């Protein structure tokens, strides 16, 4: 029973590690997002 729990725990940990929920972005998406943030901050300053 202890061995089964250990095996399931290790498999769950490995599955979580390799199937993380990170979002993959390319350089274009990052630049666009940064430009949007700067634009929003500029609007806040003007207000």
C-alpha atoms as a PDB file:
ATOM      1  CA  UNK A   1       0.000   0.000   0.000  1.00  0.00           C
ATOM      2  CA  UNK A   2       2.806   2.375   0.912  1.00  0.00           C
ATOM      3  CA  UNK A   3       4.655   1.554  -2.301  1.00  0.00           C
ATOM      4  CA  UNK A   4       1.527   2.142  -4.396  1.00  0.00           C
ATOM      5  CA  UNK A   5       1.001   5.555  -2.810  1.00  0.00           C
ATOM      6  CA  UNK A   6       4.644   6.477  -3.412  1.00  0.00           C
ATOM      7  CA  UNK A   7       4.453   5.431  -7.072  1.00  0.00           C
ATOM      8  CA  UNK A   8       1.226   7.393  -7.645  1.00  0.00           C
ATOM      9  CA  UNK A   9       2.684  10.439  -5.915  1.00  0.00           C
ATOM     10  CA  UNK A  10       5.830  10.341  -8.068  1.00  0.00           C
ATOM     11  CA  UNK A  11       3.818   9.909 -11.265  1.00  0.00           C
ATOM     12  CA  UNK A  12       1.543  12.806 -10.299  1.00  0.00           C
ATOM     13  CA  UNK A  13       4.510  15.029  -9.560  1.00  0.00           C
ATOM     14  CA  UNK A  14       6.132  14.189 -12.889  1.00  0.00           C
ATOM     15  CA  UNK A  15       2.869  14.755 -14.778  1.00  0.00           C
ATOM     16  CA  UNK A  16       2.426  18.145 -13.127  1.00  0.00           C
ATOM     17  CA  UNK A  17       6.000  19.126 -13.900  1.00  0.00           C
ATOM     18  CA  UNK A  18       5.832  18.261 -17.579  1.00  0.00           C
ATOM     19  CA  UNK A  19       2.322  19.563 -18.245  1.00  0.00           C
ATOM     20  CA  UNK A  20       2.527  22.937 -16.567  1.00  0.00           C
ATOM     21  CA  UNK A  21       0.073  25.666 -17.499  1.00  0.00           C
ATOM     22  CA  UNK A  22       2.615  28.180 -18.728  1.00  0.00           C
ATOM     23  CA  UNK A  23       1.587  30.197 -21.726  1.00  0.00           C
ATOM     24  CA  UNK A  24       4.076  30.147 -24.577  1.00  0.00           C
ATOM     25  CA  UNK A  25       4.522  33.564 -26.175  1.00  0.00           C
ATOM     26  CA  UNK A  26       6.675  34.559 -29.081  1.00  0.00           C
ATOM     27  CA  UNK A  27       8.575  37.843 -29.301  1.00  0.00           C
ATOM     28  CA  UNK A  28       5.814  39.575 -31.274  1.00  0.00           C
ATOM     29  CA  UNK A  29       3.225  38.849 -28.606  1.00  0.00           C
ATOM     30  CA  UNK A  30       5.513  40.115 -25.852  1.00  0.00           C
ATOM     31  CA  UNK A  31       6.229  43.361 -27.732  1.00  0.00           C
ATOM     32  CA  UNK A  32       2.540  43.927 -28.415  1.00  0.00           C
ATOM     33  CA  UNK A  33       1.654  43.311 -24.767  1.00  0.00           C
ATOM     34  CA  UNK A  34       4.361  45.717 -23.572  1.00  0.00           C
ATOM     35  CA  UNK A  35       3.142  48.393 -25.997  1.00  0.00           C
ATOM     36  CA  UNK A  36      -0.418  47.978 -24.732  1.00  0.00           C
ATOM     37  CA  UNK A  37       0.732  48.371 -21.138  1.00  0.00           C
ATOM     38  CA  UNK A  38       2.680  51.544 -21.974  1.00  0.00           C
ATOM     39  CA  UNK A  39      -0.355  52.929 -23.797  1.00  0.00           C
ATOM     40  CA  UNK A  40      -2.609  52.211 -20.821  1.00  0.00           C
ATOM     41  CA  UNK A  41      -0.179  53.884 -18.427  1.00  0.00           C
ATOM     42  CA  UNK A  42       0.076  56.932 -20.703  1.00  0.00           C
ATOM     43  CA  UNK A  43      -3.719  57.244 -20.692  1.00  0.00           C
ATOM     44  CA  UNK A  44      -3.744  57.042 -16.889  1.00  0.00           C
ATOM     45  CA  UNK A  45      -1.148  59.801 -16.654  1.00  0.00           C
ATOM     46  CA  UNK A  46      -3.121  62.055 -18.998  1.00  0.00           C
ATOM     47  CA  UNK A  47      -6.258  61.581 -16.901  1.00  0.00           C
END
